[in-house]
Amino acid sequence: MTLQTPATLEEWNAAGADYLPGLLGMTFTKVEPDEVVAVLEVRRALGAWNGYLHAGTVTSLADTCCGYGTVRSLPTGASGFTTVELKSNLIGTAREGLVTCIARPVHKGRTTQVWDAEVRRNSDDAVIACFRNTQLILWPKG
């Protein structure tokens, strides 16, 4: 199965609407081969019981941005990708407002892509997470 790459921001947002990106409320404002940007409104359902934004929410936001960038950057003929490694350094948090993730490629090869992402609080532009993601590029069998 080959992934159909959305052509517009509306299509990118619609593609994830019935999946985790939609469930978490991610809104993509840029999906280009060399930069992906998404925002997320902090709300209670995305937090931990202690009132802070859940690490899983932050990691999911960053991973999704890196994944959308990988799809946007797949080599011609590739059928898709899968995450083979991810690393998150959570160095802050948010209790309210918006957070923004910006993902950029470090390496875009025929067999792997490596993406870095930062998640920031919009209220003061503080970095709350640094993220690195390695994707394995999948090719049709046959």
N, C-alpha and C. Protein backbone atom coordinates (compact mmCIF):
# COMPACT_ATOMS: atom_id res chain seq x y z
N MET A 1 0.84 -1.19 0.00
CA MET A 1 0.00 0.00 0.00
C MET A 1 0.88 1.25 0.00
N THR A 2 0.61 2.17 -0.89
CA THR A 2 1.35 3.42 -0.97
C THR A 2 0.53 4.52 -0.31
N LEU A 3 1.19 5.34 0.49
CA LEU A 3 0.50 6.44 1.15
C LEU A 3 0.11 7.51 0.14
N GLN A 4 -1.11 8.03 0.27
CA GLN A 4 -1.53 9.16 -0.52
C GLN A 4 -1.13 10.42 0.25
N THR A 5 -0.32 11.26 -0.35
CA THR A 5 0.14 12.46 0.33
C THR A 5 -0.87 13.57 0.14
N PRO A 6 -1.40 14.12 1.24
CA PRO A 6 -2.31 15.25 1.13
C PRO A 6 -1.63 16.43 0.42
N ALA A 7 -2.45 17.23 -0.26
CA ALA A 7 -1.90 18.35 -1.04
C ALA A 7 -2.04 19.69 -0.33
N THR A 8 -3.01 19.83 0.57
CA THR A 8 -3.26 21.12 1.22
C THR A 8 -3.26 20.94 2.73
N LEU A 9 -3.14 22.05 3.46
CA LEU A 9 -3.24 21.97 4.92
C LEU A 9 -4.58 21.40 5.35
N GLU A 10 -5.64 21.78 4.66
CA GLU A 10 -6.96 21.23 4.98
C GLU A 10 -6.96 19.70 4.86
N GLU A 11 -6.33 19.19 3.83
CA GLU A 11 -6.25 17.74 3.64
C GLU A 11 -5.36 17.08 4.70
N TRP A 12 -4.24 17.73 5.07
CA TRP A 12 -3.40 17.18 6.14
C TRP A 12 -4.18 17.08 7.44
N ASN A 13 -4.90 18.14 7.80
CA ASN A 13 -5.68 18.13 9.04
C ASN A 13 -6.81 17.12 8.97
N ALA A 14 -7.45 16.99 7.82
CA ALA A 14 -8.53 16.02 7.66
C ALA A 14 -7.99 14.58 7.73
N ALA A 15 -6.79 14.35 7.22
CA ALA A 15 -6.22 13.00 7.22
C ALA A 15 -6.06 12.45 8.63
N GLY A 16 -5.75 13.29 9.59
CA GLY A 16 -5.56 12.84 10.96
C GLY A 16 -6.77 13.00 11.85
N ALA A 17 -7.85 13.54 11.33
CA ALA A 17 -9.01 13.89 12.15
C ALA A 17 -9.61 12.71 12.90
N ASP A 18 -9.64 11.53 12.30
CA ASP A 18 -10.25 10.35 12.93
C ASP A 18 -9.23 9.48 13.65
N TYR A 19 -8.01 9.98 13.80
CA TYR A 19 -6.93 9.24 14.43
C TYR A 19 -6.37 10.04 15.60
N LEU A 20 -5.25 9.62 16.14
CA LEU A 20 -4.68 10.28 17.32
C LEU A 20 -4.49 11.79 17.15
N PRO A 21 -3.99 12.28 16.01
CA PRO A 21 -3.86 13.74 15.88
C PRO A 21 -5.18 14.48 16.10
N GLY A 22 -6.26 13.94 15.58
CA GLY A 22 -7.57 14.55 15.77
C GLY A 22 -8.07 14.41 17.19
N LEU A 23 -7.85 13.24 17.77
CA LEU A 23 -8.27 13.00 19.15
C LEU A 23 -7.60 13.97 20.11
N LEU A 24 -6.31 14.23 19.87
CA LEU A 24 -5.58 15.16 20.74
C LEU A 24 -5.86 16.62 20.41
N GLY A 25 -6.36 16.88 19.21
CA GLY A 25 -6.69 18.26 18.82
C GLY A 25 -5.55 18.99 18.12
N MET A 26 -4.66 18.26 17.47
CA MET A 26 -3.55 18.89 16.75
C MET A 26 -4.09 19.62 15.52
N THR A 27 -3.56 20.81 15.29
CA THR A 27 -3.86 21.57 14.08
C THR A 27 -2.55 21.89 13.39
N PHE A 28 -2.42 21.44 12.16
CA PHE A 28 -1.20 21.67 11.39
C PHE A 28 -1.33 22.98 10.63
N THR A 29 -0.30 23.82 10.76
CA THR A 29 -0.29 25.12 10.08
C THR A 29 0.75 25.17 8.98
N LYS A 30 1.62 24.16 8.92
CA LYS A 30 2.61 24.07 7.85
C LYS A 30 3.06 22.61 7.74
N VAL A 31 3.01 22.08 6.53
CA VAL A 31 3.53 20.73 6.28
C VAL A 31 4.31 20.80 4.97
N GLU A 32 5.60 21.00 5.09
CA GLU A 32 6.50 21.12 3.95
C GLU A 32 7.62 20.09 4.10
N PRO A 33 8.35 19.81 3.03
CA PRO A 33 9.41 18.80 3.12
C PRO A 33 10.50 19.12 4.15
N ASP A 34 10.72 20.39 4.46
CA ASP A 34 11.79 20.76 5.39
C ASP A 34 11.31 21.43 6.66
N GLU A 35 9.98 21.48 6.88
CA GLU A 35 9.47 22.02 8.14
C GLU A 35 7.99 21.69 8.29
N VAL A 36 7.66 21.23 9.48
CA VAL A 36 6.27 20.94 9.83
C VAL A 36 5.98 21.69 11.13
N VAL A 37 4.82 22.37 11.17
CA VAL A 37 4.42 23.13 12.35
C VAL A 37 3.00 22.75 12.72
N ALA A 38 2.79 22.48 14.01
CA ALA A 38 1.45 22.17 14.51
C ALA A 38 1.26 22.82 15.87
N VAL A 39 0.00 23.15 16.17
CA VAL A 39 -0.34 23.70 17.48
C VAL A 39 -1.33 22.78 18.16
N LEU A 40 -1.34 22.88 19.48
CA LEU A 40 -2.21 22.05 20.30
C LEU A 40 -2.66 22.89 21.48
N GLU A 41 -3.95 22.89 21.75
CA GLU A 41 -4.48 23.59 22.92
C GLU A 41 -4.40 22.66 24.13
N VAL A 42 -3.76 23.16 25.18
CA VAL A 42 -3.66 22.39 26.42
C VAL A 42 -5.02 22.37 27.08
N ARG A 43 -5.46 21.17 27.46
CA ARG A 43 -6.73 21.02 28.17
C ARG A 43 -6.60 19.85 29.13
N ARG A 44 -7.49 19.78 30.06
CA ARG A 44 -7.41 18.79 31.13
C ARG A 44 -7.25 17.36 30.61
N ALA A 45 -7.97 17.01 29.57
CA ALA A 45 -7.93 15.65 29.03
C ALA A 45 -6.55 15.26 28.51
N LEU A 46 -5.69 16.23 28.25
CA LEU A 46 -4.35 15.94 27.73
C LEU A 46 -3.30 15.97 28.83
N GLY A 47 -3.75 16.11 30.06
CA GLY A 47 -2.82 16.24 31.17
C GLY A 47 -2.69 14.97 31.98
N ALA A 48 -1.78 15.04 32.91
CA ALA A 48 -1.62 14.00 33.93
C ALA A 48 -2.45 14.40 35.14
N TRP A 49 -2.64 13.49 36.06
CA TRP A 49 -3.47 13.78 37.24
C TRP A 49 -2.91 14.91 38.08
N ASN A 50 -1.60 15.23 37.93
CA ASN A 50 -1.00 16.31 38.71
C ASN A 50 -1.24 17.69 38.11
N GLY A 51 -1.96 17.76 36.99
CA GLY A 51 -2.32 19.04 36.40
C GLY A 51 -1.40 19.54 35.30
N TYR A 52 -0.33 18.83 35.04
CA TYR A 52 0.60 19.22 33.98
C TYR A 52 0.29 18.49 32.69
N LEU A 53 0.72 19.06 31.57
CA LEU A 53 0.56 18.42 30.28
C LEU A 53 1.28 17.07 30.30
N HIS A 54 0.60 16.03 29.89
CA HIS A 54 1.15 14.67 29.94
C HIS A 54 2.30 14.52 28.96
N ALA A 55 3.36 13.84 29.38
CA ALA A 55 4.52 13.59 28.52
C ALA A 55 4.11 12.85 27.24
N GLY A 56 3.14 11.98 27.34
CA GLY A 56 2.66 11.26 26.16
C GLY A 56 2.01 12.18 25.14
N THR A 57 1.36 13.22 25.61
CA THR A 57 0.76 14.21 24.71
C THR A 57 1.85 14.95 23.96
N VAL A 58 2.86 15.40 24.69
CA VAL A 58 3.96 16.15 24.08
C VAL A 58 4.71 15.27 23.07
N THR A 59 4.98 14.04 23.46
CA THR A 59 5.68 13.11 22.58
C THR A 59 4.85 12.78 21.35
N SER A 60 3.56 12.61 21.52
CA SER A 60 2.68 12.33 20.38
C SER A 60 2.65 13.50 19.40
N LEU A 61 2.62 14.71 19.92
CA LEU A 61 2.64 15.89 19.06
C LEU A 61 3.93 15.92 18.24
N ALA A 62 5.07 15.76 18.90
CA ALA A 62 6.35 15.81 18.20
C ALA A 62 6.49 14.66 17.20
N ASP A 63 6.12 13.45 17.61
CA ASP A 63 6.22 12.28 16.74
C ASP A 63 5.35 12.46 15.50
N THR A 64 4.17 13.00 15.67
CA THR A 64 3.26 13.21 14.54
C THR A 64 3.82 14.25 13.58
N CYS A 65 4.38 15.32 14.10
CA CYS A 65 4.99 16.32 13.22
C CYS A 65 6.12 15.71 12.41
N CYS A 66 6.97 14.94 13.05
CA CYS A 66 8.07 14.28 12.34
C CYS A 66 7.53 13.28 11.32
N GLY A 67 6.47 12.57 11.67
CA GLY A 67 5.87 11.62 10.75
C GLY A 67 5.26 12.29 9.53
N TYR A 68 4.56 13.41 9.74
CA TYR A 68 3.98 14.13 8.60
C TYR A 68 5.09 14.65 7.69
N GLY A 69 6.19 15.11 8.30
CA GLY A 69 7.33 15.56 7.50
C GLY A 69 7.93 14.42 6.69
N THR A 70 7.99 13.24 7.28
CA THR A 70 8.52 12.08 6.58
C THR A 70 7.63 11.73 5.40
N VAL A 71 6.32 11.71 5.61
CA VAL A 71 5.39 11.43 4.50
C VAL A 71 5.58 12.45 3.39
N ARG A 72 5.70 13.70 3.77
CA ARG A 72 5.86 14.79 2.79
C ARG A 72 7.18 14.66 2.03
N SER A 73 8.16 13.95 2.61
CA SER A 73 9.50 13.86 2.05
C SER A 73 9.87 12.46 1.55
N LEU A 74 8.90 11.57 1.45
CA LEU A 74 9.22 10.21 1.02
C LEU A 74 9.89 10.20 -0.35
N PRO A 75 10.93 9.38 -0.52
CA PRO A 75 11.54 9.25 -1.84
C PRO A 75 10.53 8.65 -2.83
N THR A 76 10.67 9.01 -4.09
CA THR A 76 9.80 8.47 -5.13
C THR A 76 9.84 6.94 -5.11
N GLY A 77 8.66 6.34 -5.09
CA GLY A 77 8.55 4.88 -5.10
C GLY A 77 8.42 4.25 -3.73
N ALA A 78 8.73 5.00 -2.67
CA ALA A 78 8.58 4.45 -1.31
C ALA A 78 7.10 4.24 -1.02
N SER A 79 6.80 3.22 -0.22
CA SER A 79 5.41 2.91 0.10
C SER A 79 4.96 3.46 1.44
N GLY A 80 5.89 3.94 2.26
CA GLY A 80 5.53 4.47 3.58
C GLY A 80 6.75 4.51 4.47
N PHE A 81 6.49 4.50 5.77
CA PHE A 81 7.57 4.56 6.75
C PHE A 81 7.07 3.99 8.06
N THR A 82 8.00 3.75 8.96
CA THR A 82 7.65 3.39 10.33
C THR A 82 8.71 3.98 11.25
N THR A 83 8.29 4.40 12.43
CA THR A 83 9.22 4.93 13.41
C THR A 83 10.03 3.78 13.99
N VAL A 84 11.35 3.91 14.00
CA VAL A 84 12.20 2.88 14.60
C VAL A 84 12.86 3.35 15.89
N GLU A 85 12.91 4.66 16.10
CA GLU A 85 13.47 5.17 17.36
C GLU A 85 12.95 6.58 17.60
N LEU A 86 12.68 6.87 18.87
CA LEU A 86 12.34 8.24 19.24
C LEU A 86 12.90 8.53 20.61
N LYS A 87 13.25 9.78 20.79
CA LYS A 87 13.85 10.23 22.06
C LYS A 87 13.25 11.57 22.41
N SER A 88 12.79 11.70 23.63
CA SER A 88 12.23 12.95 24.11
C SER A 88 12.97 13.42 25.35
N ASN A 89 13.33 14.68 25.37
CA ASN A 89 13.81 15.34 26.57
C ASN A 89 12.75 16.35 26.97
N LEU A 90 12.08 16.06 28.06
CA LEU A 90 11.02 16.94 28.56
C LEU A 90 11.65 17.87 29.59
N ILE A 91 11.71 19.15 29.25
CA ILE A 91 12.43 20.10 30.09
C ILE A 91 11.54 21.21 30.62
N GLY A 92 10.25 21.08 30.39
CA GLY A 92 9.28 22.06 30.88
C GLY A 92 7.90 21.47 30.72
N THR A 93 6.89 22.29 30.94
CA THR A 93 5.52 21.81 30.78
C THR A 93 4.60 23.00 30.55
N ALA A 94 3.33 22.71 30.45
CA ALA A 94 2.30 23.74 30.31
C ALA A 94 1.07 23.28 31.06
N ARG A 95 0.34 24.22 31.60
CA ARG A 95 -0.92 23.93 32.29
C ARG A 95 -2.12 24.48 31.54
N GLU A 96 -1.86 25.42 30.62
CA GLU A 96 -2.95 26.05 29.86
C GLU A 96 -2.38 26.69 28.61
N GLY A 97 -3.27 27.15 27.74
CA GLY A 97 -2.85 27.84 26.54
C GLY A 97 -2.50 26.89 25.41
N LEU A 98 -1.68 27.39 24.52
CA LEU A 98 -1.28 26.63 23.34
C LEU A 98 0.18 26.23 23.44
N VAL A 99 0.50 25.10 22.82
CA VAL A 99 1.88 24.71 22.59
C VAL A 99 2.05 24.53 21.09
N THR A 100 3.26 24.81 20.62
CA THR A 100 3.57 24.68 19.20
C THR A 100 4.76 23.75 19.03
N CYS A 101 4.68 22.90 18.03
CA CYS A 101 5.79 22.01 17.68
C CYS A 101 6.29 22.39 16.29
N ILE A 102 7.61 22.48 16.18
CA ILE A 102 8.26 22.69 14.88
C ILE A 102 9.22 21.54 14.67
N ALA A 103 9.05 20.83 13.57
CA ALA A 103 9.90 19.69 13.22
C ALA A 103 10.66 20.00 11.94
N ARG A 104 11.95 19.60 11.94
CA ARG A 104 12.80 19.82 10.77
C ARG A 104 13.68 18.58 10.56
N PRO A 105 13.98 18.26 9.30
CA PRO A 105 14.81 17.09 9.03
C PRO A 105 16.28 17.34 9.34
N VAL A 106 16.93 16.30 9.82
CA VAL A 106 18.38 16.29 10.01
C VAL A 106 19.02 15.49 8.89
N HIS A 107 18.31 14.43 8.46
CA HIS A 107 18.80 13.52 7.41
C HIS A 107 17.60 12.97 6.66
N LYS A 108 17.66 13.02 5.33
CA LYS A 108 16.61 12.44 4.50
C LYS A 108 17.25 11.54 3.46
N GLY A 109 17.35 10.25 3.79
CA GLY A 109 17.97 9.29 2.89
C GLY A 109 16.95 8.35 2.27
N ARG A 110 17.43 7.39 1.51
CA ARG A 110 16.54 6.41 0.87
C ARG A 110 16.07 5.33 1.83
N THR A 111 16.81 5.10 2.92
CA THR A 111 16.41 4.04 3.86
C THR A 111 15.98 4.59 5.21
N THR A 112 16.46 5.76 5.58
CA THR A 112 16.06 6.36 6.85
C THR A 112 15.91 7.87 6.70
N GLN A 113 15.11 8.42 7.60
CA GLN A 113 15.04 9.86 7.80
C GLN A 113 15.19 10.11 9.30
N VAL A 114 15.85 11.19 9.65
CA VAL A 114 15.99 11.61 11.04
C VAL A 114 15.44 13.03 11.13
N TRP A 115 14.54 13.22 12.10
CA TRP A 115 13.90 14.52 12.29
C TRP A 115 14.09 14.97 13.73
N ASP A 116 14.28 16.27 13.91
CA ASP A 116 14.30 16.90 15.23
C ASP A 116 13.06 17.78 15.36
N ALA A 117 12.55 17.87 16.58
CA ALA A 117 11.40 18.72 16.84
C ALA A 117 11.57 19.41 18.19
N GLU A 118 11.03 20.61 18.28
CA GLU A 118 10.93 21.33 19.56
C GLU A 118 9.47 21.64 19.81
N VAL A 119 9.08 21.49 21.07
CA VAL A 119 7.74 21.88 21.49
C VAL A 119 7.92 23.06 22.44
N ARG A 120 7.17 24.14 22.17
CA ARG A 120 7.28 25.36 22.97
C ARG A 120 5.92 25.82 23.47
N ARG A 121 5.94 26.43 24.66
CA ARG A 121 4.74 27.11 25.17
C ARG A 121 4.57 28.39 24.37
N ASN A 122 3.38 28.68 23.92
CA ASN A 122 3.15 29.91 23.18
C ASN A 122 3.17 31.14 24.08
N SER A 123 2.81 30.98 25.33
CA SER A 123 2.70 32.13 26.22
C SER A 123 4.03 32.85 26.43
N ASP A 124 5.13 32.11 26.49
CA ASP A 124 6.43 32.73 26.74
C ASP A 124 7.53 32.18 25.84
N ASP A 125 7.18 31.37 24.85
CA ASP A 125 8.11 30.79 23.88
C ASP A 125 9.15 29.87 24.52
N ALA A 126 8.89 29.39 25.73
CA ALA A 126 9.82 28.50 26.41
C ALA A 126 9.78 27.10 25.80
N VAL A 127 10.95 26.51 25.60
CA VAL A 127 11.03 25.14 25.11
C VAL A 127 10.60 24.21 26.23
N ILE A 128 9.64 23.33 25.92
CA ILE A 128 9.22 22.34 26.92
C ILE A 128 9.67 20.93 26.54
N ALA A 129 10.09 20.72 25.29
CA ALA A 129 10.58 19.40 24.90
C ALA A 129 11.46 19.50 23.66
N CYS A 130 12.50 18.68 23.66
CA CYS A 130 13.35 18.45 22.49
C CYS A 130 13.17 16.99 22.11
N PHE A 131 13.07 16.74 20.83
CA PHE A 131 12.67 15.42 20.36
C PHE A 131 13.50 15.04 19.14
N ARG A 132 13.92 13.79 19.05
CA ARG A 132 14.57 13.25 17.85
C ARG A 132 13.87 11.96 17.46
N ASN A 133 13.66 11.80 16.16
CA ASN A 133 12.89 10.69 15.63
C ASN A 133 13.61 10.10 14.43
N THR A 134 13.77 8.79 14.40
CA THR A 134 14.34 8.09 13.24
C THR A 134 13.25 7.26 12.59
N GLN A 135 13.10 7.43 11.28
CA GLN A 135 12.07 6.74 10.51
C GLN A 135 12.75 5.79 9.53
N LEU A 136 12.22 4.58 9.41
CA LEU A 136 12.66 3.62 8.41
C LEU A 136 11.75 3.78 7.19
N ILE A 137 12.34 4.00 6.03
CA ILE A 137 11.56 4.14 4.80
C ILE A 137 11.20 2.75 4.30
N LEU A 138 9.93 2.55 3.97
CA LEU A 138 9.44 1.26 3.50
C LEU A 138 9.30 1.28 1.97
N TRP A 139 9.61 0.13 1.37
CA TRP A 139 9.57 0.00 -0.09
C TRP A 139 8.67 -1.17 -0.45
N PRO A 140 7.98 -1.08 -1.59
CA PRO A 140 7.13 -2.21 -2.00
C PRO A 140 7.93 -3.49 -2.17
N LYS A 141 7.33 -4.60 -1.81
CA LYS A 141 7.98 -5.90 -2.02
C LYS A 141 7.68 -6.36 -3.44
N GLY A 142 8.65 -7.04 -3.99
CA GLY A 142 8.29 -7.61 -5.25
C GLY A 142 9.26 -7.56 -6.29
